[in-house]
Amino acid sequence: MEKFKAVIFDIDGTLANTVPLCIQAFRQAMEPQLHRPLSDEEIKAAFGPDEEGTIMSFNPPDVKKATDDFMRFYESLHEEMCPAPFDGIKDLLDTLKSKGVCLAVSTGKGKDASEFSLCLFNIQQYFDMVENGSPKGSRKPEAIQQIMDAFKVHKEEVLYVGDAPGDVKESHKSGVHVVAAAWAETADKAQLEKEQPDAIFETVKDFAEWLYKRI
């Protein structure tokens, strides 16, 4: 059985139910410029790059204004829409930290949005590294490699935890173990299964029990 020395977490849909918040902030930031409604599916399909990159894919007249507006709406709606991480996440992070496991975040989110969420949840102190996204598209394989280099761990000692099929795919590219977080209402279990993660979990509790045997 593998023994993990480092665990890397995604944020949206993994540490917290922030996907609906992101969708709403994108909608409020872009619809006034685009003069049309945006569906949840349309917005989610553009996820991968950071906020600026996601907004650029819709080609609004003023990308900078839309990006600034996104952040303003993201901050103002956060406490109402997503005031805390998923139940069990803080206990999980506490236990992993106490056992000497290296913890990091690799997310497509930009630096400002990541920092705001992690600080609001009061969990930023658990993570030794936070790697953010890029306007050009996902950079998770590169981010995972940088985390491994910094922690001086081998691929087989690393576990990535994410809620999207792309997370599983990119973890496979990086050669690290990966589990799918299907505990968010926004997770698509069938699509996650197609990417063949090491395991899929529908509750944080079940994931924690599985992980504690492997650290």
N, C-alpha and C. Protein backbone atom coordinates (compact mmCIF):
# COMPACT_ATOMS: atom_id res chain seq x y z
N MET A 1 0.84 -1.20 0.00
CA MET A 1 0.00 0.00 0.00
C MET A 1 0.88 1.25 0.00
N GLU A 2 0.51 2.21 -0.87
CA GLU A 2 1.28 3.45 -0.96
C GLU A 2 1.21 4.24 0.34
N LYS A 3 2.29 4.97 0.64
CA LYS A 3 2.31 5.87 1.79
C LYS A 3 2.56 7.28 1.28
N PHE A 4 1.63 8.16 1.56
CA PHE A 4 1.72 9.52 1.02
C PHE A 4 2.45 10.46 1.98
N LYS A 5 3.41 11.19 1.42
CA LYS A 5 4.12 12.21 2.21
C LYS A 5 3.60 13.61 1.93
N ALA A 6 2.88 13.76 0.80
CA ALA A 6 2.34 15.07 0.43
C ALA A 6 0.95 14.91 -0.18
N VAL A 7 0.06 15.81 0.19
CA VAL A 7 -1.29 15.84 -0.39
C VAL A 7 -1.53 17.23 -0.96
N ILE A 8 -1.96 17.27 -2.22
CA ILE A 8 -2.23 18.53 -2.91
C ILE A 8 -3.74 18.63 -3.16
N PHE A 9 -4.32 19.75 -2.76
CA PHE A 9 -5.77 19.94 -2.89
C PHE A 9 -6.11 20.99 -3.94
N ASP A 10 -7.18 20.74 -4.67
CA ASP A 10 -7.87 21.77 -5.44
C ASP A 10 -8.69 22.58 -4.43
N ILE A 11 -9.22 23.74 -4.85
CA ILE A 11 -10.08 24.53 -3.94
C ILE A 11 -11.55 24.35 -4.30
N ASP A 12 -11.94 24.84 -5.49
CA ASP A 12 -13.35 24.86 -5.87
C ASP A 12 -13.92 23.44 -5.97
N GLY A 13 -14.96 23.16 -5.18
CA GLY A 13 -15.60 21.86 -5.22
C GLY A 13 -14.85 20.77 -4.48
N THR A 14 -13.70 21.12 -3.90
CA THR A 14 -12.88 20.13 -3.18
C THR A 14 -12.73 20.54 -1.72
N LEU A 15 -12.15 21.70 -1.48
CA LEU A 15 -12.07 22.21 -0.10
C LEU A 15 -13.40 22.86 0.31
N ALA A 16 -14.10 23.43 -0.65
CA ALA A 16 -15.34 24.16 -0.32
C ALA A 16 -16.26 24.20 -1.54
N ASN A 17 -17.52 24.49 -1.27
CA ASN A 17 -18.54 24.52 -2.32
C ASN A 17 -18.56 25.90 -3.00
N THR A 18 -17.43 26.26 -3.61
CA THR A 18 -17.28 27.60 -4.17
C THR A 18 -17.64 27.68 -5.65
N VAL A 19 -17.96 26.56 -6.29
CA VAL A 19 -18.28 26.62 -7.73
C VAL A 19 -19.51 27.50 -8.00
N PRO A 20 -20.63 27.35 -7.25
CA PRO A 20 -21.77 28.23 -7.49
C PRO A 20 -21.43 29.71 -7.28
N LEU A 21 -20.57 29.99 -6.33
CA LEU A 21 -20.11 31.36 -6.07
C LEU A 21 -19.34 31.90 -7.28
N CYS A 22 -18.42 31.10 -7.81
CA CYS A 22 -17.65 31.51 -8.99
C CYS A 22 -18.58 31.80 -10.17
N ILE A 23 -19.53 30.90 -10.39
CA ILE A 23 -20.46 31.07 -11.52
C ILE A 23 -21.24 32.38 -11.38
N GLN A 24 -21.73 32.64 -10.18
CA GLN A 24 -22.51 33.85 -9.96
C GLN A 24 -21.67 35.11 -10.14
N ALA A 25 -20.43 35.08 -9.66
CA ALA A 25 -19.55 36.24 -9.81
C ALA A 25 -19.19 36.48 -11.28
N PHE A 26 -18.93 35.40 -12.02
CA PHE A 26 -18.67 35.55 -13.46
C PHE A 26 -19.90 36.13 -14.16
N ARG A 27 -21.07 35.61 -13.81
CA ARG A 27 -22.31 36.07 -14.45
C ARG A 27 -22.51 37.57 -14.22
N GLN A 28 -22.37 38.00 -12.98
CA GLN A 28 -22.61 39.42 -12.68
C GLN A 28 -21.54 40.32 -13.29
N ALA A 29 -20.33 39.79 -13.44
CA ALA A 29 -19.24 40.59 -14.02
C ALA A 29 -19.36 40.73 -15.53
N MET A 30 -19.87 39.68 -16.19
CA MET A 30 -19.82 39.67 -17.66
C MET A 30 -21.13 40.01 -18.37
N GLU A 31 -22.26 39.63 -17.78
CA GLU A 31 -23.53 39.84 -18.49
C GLU A 31 -23.78 41.31 -18.87
N PRO A 32 -23.45 42.29 -18.00
CA PRO A 32 -23.68 43.68 -18.41
C PRO A 32 -22.90 44.08 -19.66
N GLN A 33 -21.73 43.49 -19.85
CA GLN A 33 -20.93 43.81 -21.05
C GLN A 33 -21.38 43.00 -22.27
N LEU A 34 -21.80 41.77 -22.04
CA LEU A 34 -22.16 40.89 -23.16
C LEU A 34 -23.60 41.11 -23.63
N HIS A 35 -24.40 41.73 -22.75
CA HIS A 35 -25.82 42.01 -23.07
C HIS A 35 -26.61 40.74 -23.40
N ARG A 36 -26.28 39.68 -22.69
CA ARG A 36 -27.05 38.44 -22.83
C ARG A 36 -26.86 37.60 -21.57
N PRO A 37 -27.81 36.71 -21.28
CA PRO A 37 -27.64 35.85 -20.11
C PRO A 37 -26.61 34.75 -20.37
N LEU A 38 -25.93 34.34 -19.30
CA LEU A 38 -24.97 33.24 -19.37
C LEU A 38 -25.48 32.08 -18.52
N SER A 39 -25.50 30.89 -19.09
CA SER A 39 -25.95 29.71 -18.34
C SER A 39 -24.82 29.18 -17.46
N ASP A 40 -25.19 28.43 -16.43
CA ASP A 40 -24.18 27.79 -15.58
C ASP A 40 -23.25 26.92 -16.43
N GLU A 41 -23.84 26.16 -17.37
CA GLU A 41 -23.06 25.22 -18.17
C GLU A 41 -22.05 25.95 -19.04
N GLU A 42 -22.48 27.09 -19.60
CA GLU A 42 -21.60 27.88 -20.45
C GLU A 42 -20.40 28.40 -19.66
N ILE A 43 -20.67 28.86 -18.46
CA ILE A 43 -19.58 29.39 -17.62
C ILE A 43 -18.65 28.26 -17.18
N LYS A 44 -19.22 27.15 -16.73
CA LYS A 44 -18.39 26.03 -16.26
C LYS A 44 -17.52 25.47 -17.38
N ALA A 45 -18.04 25.48 -18.60
CA ALA A 45 -17.28 24.95 -19.74
C ALA A 45 -16.02 25.77 -20.01
N ALA A 46 -16.01 27.02 -19.53
CA ALA A 46 -14.84 27.90 -19.74
C ALA A 46 -13.82 27.80 -18.62
N PHE A 47 -14.12 27.03 -17.56
CA PHE A 47 -13.18 26.88 -16.46
C PHE A 47 -11.91 26.18 -16.95
N GLY A 48 -10.80 26.48 -16.30
CA GLY A 48 -9.50 25.89 -16.64
C GLY A 48 -8.42 26.92 -16.44
N PRO A 49 -8.50 28.04 -17.19
CA PRO A 49 -7.59 29.15 -16.89
C PRO A 49 -8.04 29.86 -15.62
N ASP A 50 -7.28 30.87 -15.20
CA ASP A 50 -7.70 31.68 -14.05
C ASP A 50 -8.87 32.59 -14.46
N GLU A 51 -9.28 33.47 -13.56
CA GLU A 51 -10.47 34.29 -13.81
C GLU A 51 -10.30 35.16 -15.07
N GLU A 52 -9.13 35.76 -15.22
CA GLU A 52 -8.91 36.60 -16.40
C GLU A 52 -9.02 35.78 -17.68
N GLY A 53 -8.42 34.60 -17.67
CA GLY A 53 -8.46 33.73 -18.85
C GLY A 53 -9.87 33.26 -19.17
N THR A 54 -10.63 32.93 -18.11
CA THR A 54 -12.02 32.51 -18.31
C THR A 54 -12.83 33.66 -18.94
N ILE A 55 -12.63 34.85 -18.42
CA ILE A 55 -13.35 36.03 -18.94
C ILE A 55 -12.92 36.32 -20.38
N MET A 56 -11.64 36.21 -20.67
CA MET A 56 -11.15 36.46 -22.03
C MET A 56 -11.81 35.54 -23.05
N SER A 57 -12.14 34.33 -22.65
CA SER A 57 -12.75 33.38 -23.59
C SER A 57 -14.13 33.84 -24.06
N PHE A 58 -14.77 34.74 -23.30
CA PHE A 58 -16.08 35.28 -23.69
C PHE A 58 -15.95 36.57 -24.51
N ASN A 59 -14.72 37.08 -24.59
CA ASN A 59 -14.42 38.26 -25.39
C ASN A 59 -15.31 39.48 -25.07
N PRO A 60 -15.39 39.87 -23.79
CA PRO A 60 -16.14 41.09 -23.46
C PRO A 60 -15.37 42.32 -23.93
N PRO A 61 -16.03 43.44 -24.14
CA PRO A 61 -15.33 44.64 -24.61
C PRO A 61 -14.20 45.10 -23.68
N ASP A 62 -14.39 44.94 -22.37
CA ASP A 62 -13.38 45.42 -21.41
C ASP A 62 -13.04 44.30 -20.44
N VAL A 63 -11.99 43.54 -20.78
CA VAL A 63 -11.60 42.37 -19.98
C VAL A 63 -11.16 42.79 -18.58
N LYS A 64 -10.40 43.87 -18.49
CA LYS A 64 -9.91 44.31 -17.17
C LYS A 64 -11.07 44.67 -16.25
N LYS A 65 -12.04 45.42 -16.77
CA LYS A 65 -13.18 45.79 -15.93
C LYS A 65 -13.95 44.55 -15.49
N ALA A 66 -14.16 43.61 -16.40
CA ALA A 66 -14.89 42.38 -16.04
C ALA A 66 -14.13 41.57 -15.00
N THR A 67 -12.80 41.55 -15.13
CA THR A 67 -11.98 40.81 -14.15
C THR A 67 -12.03 41.50 -12.79
N ASP A 68 -11.93 42.80 -12.77
CA ASP A 68 -12.05 43.55 -11.50
C ASP A 68 -13.44 43.37 -10.90
N ASP A 69 -14.47 43.42 -11.75
CA ASP A 69 -15.84 43.24 -11.26
C ASP A 69 -16.04 41.84 -10.71
N PHE A 70 -15.43 40.84 -11.38
CA PHE A 70 -15.53 39.46 -10.86
C PHE A 70 -15.05 39.41 -9.43
N MET A 71 -13.88 39.99 -9.17
CA MET A 71 -13.29 39.93 -7.83
C MET A 71 -14.17 40.65 -6.82
N ARG A 72 -14.74 41.76 -7.24
CA ARG A 72 -15.61 42.53 -6.34
C ARG A 72 -16.84 41.70 -5.97
N PHE A 73 -17.47 41.07 -6.95
CA PHE A 73 -18.64 40.24 -6.67
C PHE A 73 -18.26 38.98 -5.89
N TYR A 74 -17.10 38.41 -6.23
CA TYR A 74 -16.63 37.20 -5.53
C TYR A 74 -16.49 37.47 -4.03
N GLU A 75 -15.89 38.61 -3.71
CA GLU A 75 -15.70 38.96 -2.30
C GLU A 75 -17.02 39.30 -1.61
N SER A 76 -17.89 40.04 -2.29
CA SER A 76 -19.12 40.49 -1.63
C SER A 76 -20.13 39.36 -1.43
N LEU A 77 -20.10 38.36 -2.31
CA LEU A 77 -21.06 37.25 -2.22
C LEU A 77 -20.55 36.07 -1.39
N HIS A 78 -19.23 36.05 -1.11
CA HIS A 78 -18.58 34.85 -0.56
C HIS A 78 -19.20 34.41 0.77
N GLU A 79 -19.31 35.33 1.70
CA GLU A 79 -19.75 34.93 3.04
C GLU A 79 -21.19 34.42 3.04
N GLU A 80 -22.00 34.99 2.16
CA GLU A 80 -23.40 34.55 2.07
C GLU A 80 -23.52 33.20 1.36
N MET A 81 -22.78 33.02 0.26
CA MET A 81 -22.94 31.82 -0.56
C MET A 81 -22.07 30.65 -0.09
N CYS A 82 -20.89 30.95 0.49
CA CYS A 82 -19.99 29.87 0.91
C CYS A 82 -19.14 30.34 2.09
N PRO A 83 -19.73 30.33 3.30
CA PRO A 83 -19.03 30.88 4.47
C PRO A 83 -17.97 29.97 5.08
N ALA A 84 -17.96 28.69 4.70
CA ALA A 84 -17.06 27.74 5.37
C ALA A 84 -16.67 26.63 4.41
N PRO A 85 -15.56 25.94 4.69
CA PRO A 85 -15.22 24.77 3.87
C PRO A 85 -16.23 23.64 4.10
N PHE A 86 -16.11 22.57 3.32
CA PHE A 86 -16.97 21.41 3.53
C PHE A 86 -16.78 20.85 4.93
N ASP A 87 -17.84 20.29 5.49
CA ASP A 87 -17.75 19.64 6.80
C ASP A 87 -16.65 18.58 6.77
N GLY A 88 -15.80 18.62 7.76
CA GLY A 88 -14.74 17.61 7.88
C GLY A 88 -13.40 18.04 7.31
N ILE A 89 -13.38 19.10 6.50
CA ILE A 89 -12.12 19.51 5.87
C ILE A 89 -11.11 20.02 6.91
N LYS A 90 -11.56 20.85 7.83
CA LYS A 90 -10.62 21.38 8.83
C LYS A 90 -10.04 20.26 9.69
N ASP A 91 -10.88 19.30 10.09
CA ASP A 91 -10.39 18.16 10.88
C ASP A 91 -9.38 17.34 10.09
N LEU A 92 -9.66 17.16 8.81
CA LEU A 92 -8.75 16.42 7.93
C LEU A 92 -7.40 17.13 7.84
N LEU A 93 -7.43 18.43 7.59
CA LEU A 93 -6.18 19.19 7.48
C LEU A 93 -5.41 19.18 8.79
N ASP A 94 -6.13 19.31 9.90
CA ASP A 94 -5.51 19.23 11.24
C ASP A 94 -4.75 17.93 11.42
N THR A 95 -5.43 16.83 11.09
CA THR A 95 -4.84 15.51 11.29
C THR A 95 -3.62 15.31 10.38
N LEU A 96 -3.76 15.68 9.11
CA LEU A 96 -2.64 15.52 8.18
C LEU A 96 -1.43 16.33 8.63
N LYS A 97 -1.68 17.56 9.07
CA LYS A 97 -0.59 18.43 9.52
C LYS A 97 0.09 17.83 10.76
N SER A 98 -0.72 17.30 11.66
CA SER A 98 -0.16 16.74 12.90
C SER A 98 0.67 15.48 12.63
N LYS A 99 0.39 14.82 11.51
CA LYS A 99 1.14 13.61 11.15
C LYS A 99 2.37 13.93 10.29
N GLY A 100 2.60 15.23 10.04
CA GLY A 100 3.78 15.62 9.29
C GLY A 100 3.66 15.52 7.78
N VAL A 101 2.41 15.41 7.29
CA VAL A 101 2.19 15.36 5.84
C VAL A 101 2.34 16.77 5.28
N CYS A 102 3.06 16.91 4.17
CA CYS A 102 3.20 18.21 3.49
C CYS A 102 1.90 18.51 2.76
N LEU A 103 1.40 19.73 2.90
CA LEU A 103 0.12 20.09 2.29
C LEU A 103 0.31 21.28 1.35
N ALA A 104 -0.37 21.19 0.20
CA ALA A 104 -0.30 22.28 -0.79
C ALA A 104 -1.63 22.40 -1.50
N VAL A 105 -1.78 23.52 -2.20
CA VAL A 105 -2.94 23.76 -3.05
C VAL A 105 -2.43 23.95 -4.47
N SER A 106 -3.10 23.31 -5.43
CA SER A 106 -2.89 23.62 -6.84
C SER A 106 -4.27 23.84 -7.45
N THR A 107 -4.53 25.06 -7.86
CA THR A 107 -5.86 25.45 -8.32
C THR A 107 -5.77 26.27 -9.59
N GLY A 108 -6.85 26.27 -10.36
CA GLY A 108 -6.92 27.14 -11.52
C GLY A 108 -7.24 28.58 -11.15
N LYS A 109 -7.65 28.80 -9.91
CA LYS A 109 -8.01 30.14 -9.47
C LYS A 109 -6.79 31.07 -9.49
N GLY A 110 -7.07 32.35 -9.65
CA GLY A 110 -6.01 33.32 -9.55
C GLY A 110 -5.61 33.55 -8.10
N LYS A 111 -4.51 34.25 -7.90
CA LYS A 111 -3.93 34.46 -6.56
C LYS A 111 -4.91 35.19 -5.63
N ASP A 112 -5.54 36.26 -6.10
CA ASP A 112 -6.40 37.05 -5.23
C ASP A 112 -7.61 36.25 -4.74
N ALA A 113 -8.26 35.54 -5.65
CA ALA A 113 -9.44 34.75 -5.27
C ALA A 113 -9.05 33.60 -4.33
N SER A 114 -7.93 32.95 -4.63
CA SER A 114 -7.46 31.85 -3.76
C SER A 114 -7.19 32.34 -2.35
N GLU A 115 -6.42 33.42 -2.26
CA GLU A 115 -6.07 33.96 -0.94
C GLU A 115 -7.31 34.39 -0.17
N PHE A 116 -8.25 35.02 -0.87
CA PHE A 116 -9.45 35.49 -0.20
C PHE A 116 -10.22 34.31 0.40
N SER A 117 -10.41 33.24 -0.38
CA SER A 117 -11.16 32.08 0.11
C SER A 117 -10.43 31.37 1.25
N LEU A 118 -9.15 31.11 1.08
CA LEU A 118 -8.41 30.38 2.11
C LEU A 118 -8.38 31.17 3.42
N CYS A 119 -8.27 32.50 3.34
CA CYS A 119 -8.27 33.33 4.55
C CYS A 119 -9.66 33.39 5.18
N LEU A 120 -10.69 33.53 4.35
CA LEU A 120 -12.06 33.55 4.88
C LEU A 120 -12.38 32.26 5.63
N PHE A 121 -11.91 31.14 5.08
CA PHE A 121 -12.14 29.83 5.72
C PHE A 121 -11.20 29.58 6.89
N ASN A 122 -10.20 30.46 7.05
CA ASN A 122 -9.18 30.31 8.08
C ASN A 122 -8.44 28.97 7.98
N ILE A 123 -8.07 28.63 6.75
CA ILE A 123 -7.30 27.39 6.55
C ILE A 123 -5.98 27.64 5.82
N GLN A 124 -5.66 28.91 5.55
CA GLN A 124 -4.45 29.20 4.78
C GLN A 124 -3.19 28.72 5.48
N GLN A 125 -3.22 28.65 6.81
CA GLN A 125 -2.03 28.28 7.57
C GLN A 125 -1.64 26.81 7.40
N TYR A 126 -2.54 25.99 6.89
CA TYR A 126 -2.24 24.56 6.73
C TYR A 126 -1.33 24.30 5.53
N PHE A 127 -1.32 25.22 4.57
CA PHE A 127 -0.67 24.94 3.28
C PHE A 127 0.70 25.59 3.18
N ASP A 128 1.71 24.76 2.88
CA ASP A 128 3.07 25.23 2.73
C ASP A 128 3.28 25.91 1.38
N MET A 129 2.45 25.55 0.41
CA MET A 129 2.54 26.15 -0.93
C MET A 129 1.14 26.29 -1.52
N VAL A 130 0.95 27.37 -2.27
CA VAL A 130 -0.28 27.55 -3.04
C VAL A 130 0.12 27.93 -4.46
N GLU A 131 -0.21 27.06 -5.40
CA GLU A 131 0.08 27.30 -6.81
C GLU A 131 -1.22 27.67 -7.52
N ASN A 132 -1.22 28.81 -8.21
CA ASN A 132 -2.43 29.33 -8.84
C ASN A 132 -2.44 29.10 -10.35
N GLY A 133 -3.57 29.48 -10.97
CA GLY A 133 -3.73 29.27 -12.40
C GLY A 133 -3.10 30.36 -13.23
N SER A 134 -3.35 30.28 -14.53
CA SER A 134 -2.77 31.22 -15.50
C SER A 134 -3.86 31.64 -16.48
N PRO A 135 -3.79 32.86 -17.02
CA PRO A 135 -4.77 33.26 -18.03
C PRO A 135 -4.71 32.40 -19.29
N LYS A 136 -3.56 31.75 -19.51
CA LYS A 136 -3.37 30.99 -20.75
C LYS A 136 -3.99 29.59 -20.71
N GLY A 137 -4.42 29.15 -19.54
CA GLY A 137 -5.00 27.81 -19.43
C GLY A 137 -4.45 27.10 -18.21
N SER A 138 -4.89 25.87 -18.04
CA SER A 138 -4.47 25.11 -16.86
C SER A 138 -2.96 24.89 -16.84
N ARG A 139 -2.37 25.02 -15.65
CA ARG A 139 -0.94 24.77 -15.49
C ARG A 139 -0.71 23.78 -14.35
N LYS A 140 -1.69 22.90 -14.12
CA LYS A 140 -1.57 22.01 -12.96
C LYS A 140 -0.40 21.04 -13.05
N PRO A 141 -0.11 20.42 -14.20
CA PRO A 141 1.07 19.53 -14.22
C PRO A 141 2.35 20.26 -13.80
N GLU A 142 2.52 21.48 -14.32
CA GLU A 142 3.70 22.28 -13.95
C GLU A 142 3.67 22.63 -12.46
N ALA A 143 2.49 22.99 -11.95
CA ALA A 143 2.36 23.35 -10.53
C ALA A 143 2.65 22.15 -9.64
N ILE A 144 2.13 20.99 -10.01
CA ILE A 144 2.37 19.77 -9.23
C ILE A 144 3.86 19.46 -9.19
N GLN A 145 4.53 19.62 -10.32
CA GLN A 145 5.98 19.37 -10.37
C GLN A 145 6.73 20.33 -9.45
N GLN A 146 6.35 21.60 -9.47
CA GLN A 146 7.01 22.59 -8.60
C GLN A 146 6.80 22.24 -7.13
N ILE A 147 5.61 21.78 -6.79
CA ILE A 147 5.33 21.39 -5.40
C ILE A 147 6.19 20.18 -5.01
N MET A 148 6.26 19.19 -5.89
CA MET A 148 7.08 18.00 -5.60
C MET A 148 8.55 18.38 -5.41
N ASP A 149 9.04 19.27 -6.27
CA ASP A 149 10.44 19.70 -6.15
C ASP A 149 10.68 20.40 -4.82
N ALA A 150 9.75 21.27 -4.43
CA ALA A 150 9.91 22.02 -3.19
C ALA A 150 9.84 21.11 -1.96
N PHE A 151 8.96 20.13 -2.02
CA PHE A 151 8.78 19.21 -0.88
C PHE A 151 9.80 18.07 -0.89
N LYS A 152 10.53 17.95 -2.02
CA LYS A 152 11.52 16.86 -2.17
C LYS A 152 10.87 15.49 -1.96
N VAL A 153 9.76 15.28 -2.66
CA VAL A 153 9.05 13.99 -2.59
C VAL A 153 8.99 13.37 -3.99
N HIS A 154 8.84 12.05 -4.02
CA HIS A 154 8.73 11.33 -5.29
C HIS A 154 7.26 11.26 -5.71
N LYS A 155 7.04 11.04 -6.99
CA LYS A 155 5.67 11.02 -7.54
C LYS A 155 4.76 10.04 -6.79
N GLU A 156 5.31 8.87 -6.49
CA GLU A 156 4.47 7.85 -5.85
C GLU A 156 4.11 8.21 -4.40
N GLU A 157 4.73 9.26 -3.86
CA GLU A 157 4.45 9.70 -2.48
C GLU A 157 3.45 10.86 -2.43
N VAL A 158 2.91 11.24 -3.61
CA VAL A 158 2.06 12.42 -3.71
C VAL A 158 0.64 12.03 -4.11
N LEU A 159 -0.33 12.67 -3.45
CA LEU A 159 -1.74 12.46 -3.79
C LEU A 159 -2.36 13.80 -4.14
N TYR A 160 -3.05 13.85 -5.29
CA TYR A 160 -3.82 15.05 -5.66
C TYR A 160 -5.29 14.76 -5.41
N VAL A 161 -6.00 15.77 -4.91
CA VAL A 161 -7.43 15.64 -4.61
C VAL A 161 -8.17 16.74 -5.37
N GLY A 162 -9.02 16.35 -6.33
CA GLY A 162 -9.74 17.34 -7.12
C GLY A 162 -11.12 16.84 -7.51
N ASP A 163 -11.97 17.78 -7.93
CA ASP A 163 -13.38 17.44 -8.18
C ASP A 163 -13.73 17.38 -9.66
N ALA A 164 -12.80 17.70 -10.57
CA ALA A 164 -13.11 17.79 -11.99
C ALA A 164 -12.38 16.71 -12.79
N PRO A 165 -12.98 16.24 -13.88
CA PRO A 165 -12.28 15.26 -14.73
C PRO A 165 -10.89 15.74 -15.16
N GLY A 166 -10.76 17.05 -15.42
CA GLY A 166 -9.46 17.59 -15.81
C GLY A 166 -8.42 17.43 -14.72
N ASP A 167 -8.84 17.50 -13.45
CA ASP A 167 -7.90 17.31 -12.33
C ASP A 167 -7.30 15.90 -12.38
N VAL A 168 -8.17 14.92 -12.66
CA VAL A 168 -7.72 13.53 -12.71
C VAL A 168 -6.77 13.34 -13.89
N LYS A 169 -7.17 13.89 -15.04
CA LYS A 169 -6.36 13.77 -16.25
C LYS A 169 -4.98 14.37 -16.06
N GLU A 170 -4.93 15.56 -15.46
CA GLU A 170 -3.66 16.26 -15.31
C GLU A 170 -2.79 15.62 -14.24
N SER A 171 -3.41 15.02 -13.23
CA SER A 171 -2.64 14.27 -12.24
C SER A 171 -2.01 13.04 -12.87
N HIS A 172 -2.75 12.36 -13.73
CA HIS A 172 -2.17 11.22 -14.46
C HIS A 172 -0.97 11.67 -15.29
N LYS A 173 -1.09 12.84 -15.95
CA LYS A 173 0.03 13.38 -16.74
C LYS A 173 1.25 13.61 -15.87
N SER A 174 0.99 14.03 -14.63
CA SER A 174 2.08 14.32 -13.69
C SER A 174 2.65 13.08 -13.05
N GLY A 175 1.95 11.95 -13.19
CA GLY A 175 2.43 10.70 -12.63
C GLY A 175 2.16 10.52 -11.15
N VAL A 176 1.28 11.38 -10.58
CA VAL A 176 0.97 11.26 -9.15
C VAL A 176 -0.36 10.51 -8.95
N HIS A 177 -0.56 10.01 -7.76
CA HIS A 177 -1.85 9.40 -7.42
C HIS A 177 -2.92 10.48 -7.36
N VAL A 178 -4.16 10.10 -7.64
CA VAL A 178 -5.24 11.10 -7.64
C VAL A 178 -6.55 10.46 -7.18
N VAL A 179 -7.26 11.16 -6.32
CA VAL A 179 -8.61 10.75 -5.95
C VAL A 179 -9.58 11.85 -6.35
N ALA A 180 -10.79 11.43 -6.68
CA ALA A 180 -11.82 12.37 -7.12
C ALA A 180 -12.74 12.71 -5.95
N ALA A 181 -12.88 14.01 -5.72
CA ALA A 181 -13.78 14.51 -4.69
C ALA A 181 -15.16 14.69 -5.32
N ALA A 182 -16.08 13.81 -4.98
CA ALA A 182 -17.44 13.89 -5.55
C ALA A 182 -18.44 14.31 -4.48
N TRP A 183 -17.94 15.04 -3.47
CA TRP A 183 -18.85 15.43 -2.38
C TRP A 183 -19.53 16.78 -2.64
N ALA A 184 -19.16 17.48 -3.68
CA ALA A 184 -19.84 18.74 -4.01
C ALA A 184 -21.04 18.45 -4.90
N GLU A 185 -22.08 19.28 -4.76
CA GLU A 185 -23.27 19.12 -5.60
C GLU A 185 -22.94 19.31 -7.08
N THR A 186 -21.83 20.01 -7.36
CA THR A 186 -21.45 20.31 -8.74
C THR A 186 -20.60 19.21 -9.38
N ALA A 187 -20.20 18.19 -8.62
CA ALA A 187 -19.35 17.12 -9.16
C ALA A 187 -20.17 16.19 -10.06
N ASP A 188 -19.53 15.71 -11.11
CA ASP A 188 -20.17 14.77 -12.04
C ASP A 188 -19.47 13.43 -11.89
N LYS A 189 -20.07 12.56 -11.08
CA LYS A 189 -19.41 11.30 -10.73
C LYS A 189 -19.14 10.43 -11.96
N ALA A 190 -20.09 10.39 -12.88
CA ALA A 190 -19.93 9.56 -14.08
C ALA A 190 -18.73 10.02 -14.91
N GLN A 191 -18.59 11.33 -15.07
CA GLN A 191 -17.45 11.86 -15.83
C GLN A 191 -16.14 11.63 -15.10
N LEU A 192 -16.16 11.72 -13.77
CA LEU A 192 -14.96 11.45 -12.98
C LEU A 192 -14.52 9.99 -13.13
N GLU A 193 -15.48 9.08 -13.10
CA GLU A 193 -15.17 7.66 -13.22
C GLU A 193 -14.49 7.34 -14.55
N LYS A 194 -14.90 8.04 -15.60
CA LYS A 194 -14.31 7.80 -16.93
C LYS A 194 -12.81 8.05 -16.96
N GLU A 195 -12.35 8.95 -16.10
CA GLU A 195 -10.91 9.30 -16.07
C GLU A 195 -10.09 8.35 -15.19
N GLN A 196 -10.77 7.43 -14.52
CA GLN A 196 -10.12 6.38 -13.73
C GLN A 196 -9.17 6.89 -12.65
N PRO A 197 -9.70 7.65 -11.69
CA PRO A 197 -8.88 8.02 -10.53
C PRO A 197 -8.59 6.80 -9.66
N ASP A 198 -7.68 6.95 -8.71
CA ASP A 198 -7.39 5.84 -7.79
C ASP A 198 -8.64 5.46 -7.02
N ALA A 199 -9.45 6.46 -6.68
CA ALA A 199 -10.70 6.22 -5.94
C ALA A 199 -11.59 7.46 -6.09
N ILE A 200 -12.89 7.27 -5.84
CA ILE A 200 -13.84 8.38 -5.84
C ILE A 200 -14.57 8.35 -4.50
N PHE A 201 -14.73 9.51 -3.91
CA PHE A 201 -15.39 9.60 -2.60
C PHE A 201 -16.53 10.61 -2.64
N GLU A 202 -17.66 10.22 -2.03
CA GLU A 202 -18.83 11.10 -2.00
C GLU A 202 -18.95 11.84 -0.67
N THR A 203 -18.09 11.52 0.28
CA THR A 203 -18.06 12.29 1.54
C THR A 203 -16.60 12.51 1.95
N VAL A 204 -16.38 13.63 2.62
CA VAL A 204 -15.04 13.91 3.16
C VAL A 204 -14.67 12.84 4.19
N LYS A 205 -15.65 12.40 4.96
CA LYS A 205 -15.40 11.40 6.00
C LYS A 205 -14.84 10.09 5.41
N ASP A 206 -15.45 9.62 4.33
CA ASP A 206 -14.97 8.39 3.69
C ASP A 206 -13.57 8.58 3.13
N PHE A 207 -13.31 9.73 2.55
CA PHE A 207 -11.97 10.01 2.02
C PHE A 207 -10.95 10.03 3.15
N ALA A 208 -11.29 10.69 4.25
CA ALA A 208 -10.36 10.79 5.38
C ALA A 208 -10.01 9.40 5.93
N GLU A 209 -11.01 8.55 6.05
CA GLU A 209 -10.75 7.19 6.57
C GLU A 209 -9.82 6.42 5.65
N TRP A 210 -10.01 6.59 4.35
CA TRP A 210 -9.15 5.93 3.35
C TRP A 210 -7.73 6.48 3.44
N LEU A 211 -7.62 7.81 3.54
CA LEU A 211 -6.31 8.46 3.52
C LEU A 211 -5.50 8.18 4.78
N TYR A 212 -6.16 8.12 5.93
CA TYR A 212 -5.43 7.93 7.20
C TYR A 212 -4.69 6.60 7.23
N LYS A 213 -5.15 5.62 6.44
CA LYS A 213 -4.46 4.33 6.37
C LYS A 213 -3.23 4.39 5.46
N ARG A 214 -3.07 5.53 4.80
CA ARG A 214 -2.03 5.63 3.76
C ARG A 214 -1.04 6.76 4.03
N ILE A 215 -0.96 7.21 5.28
CA ILE A 215 0.02 8.24 5.61
C ILE A 215 0.93 7.76 6.73
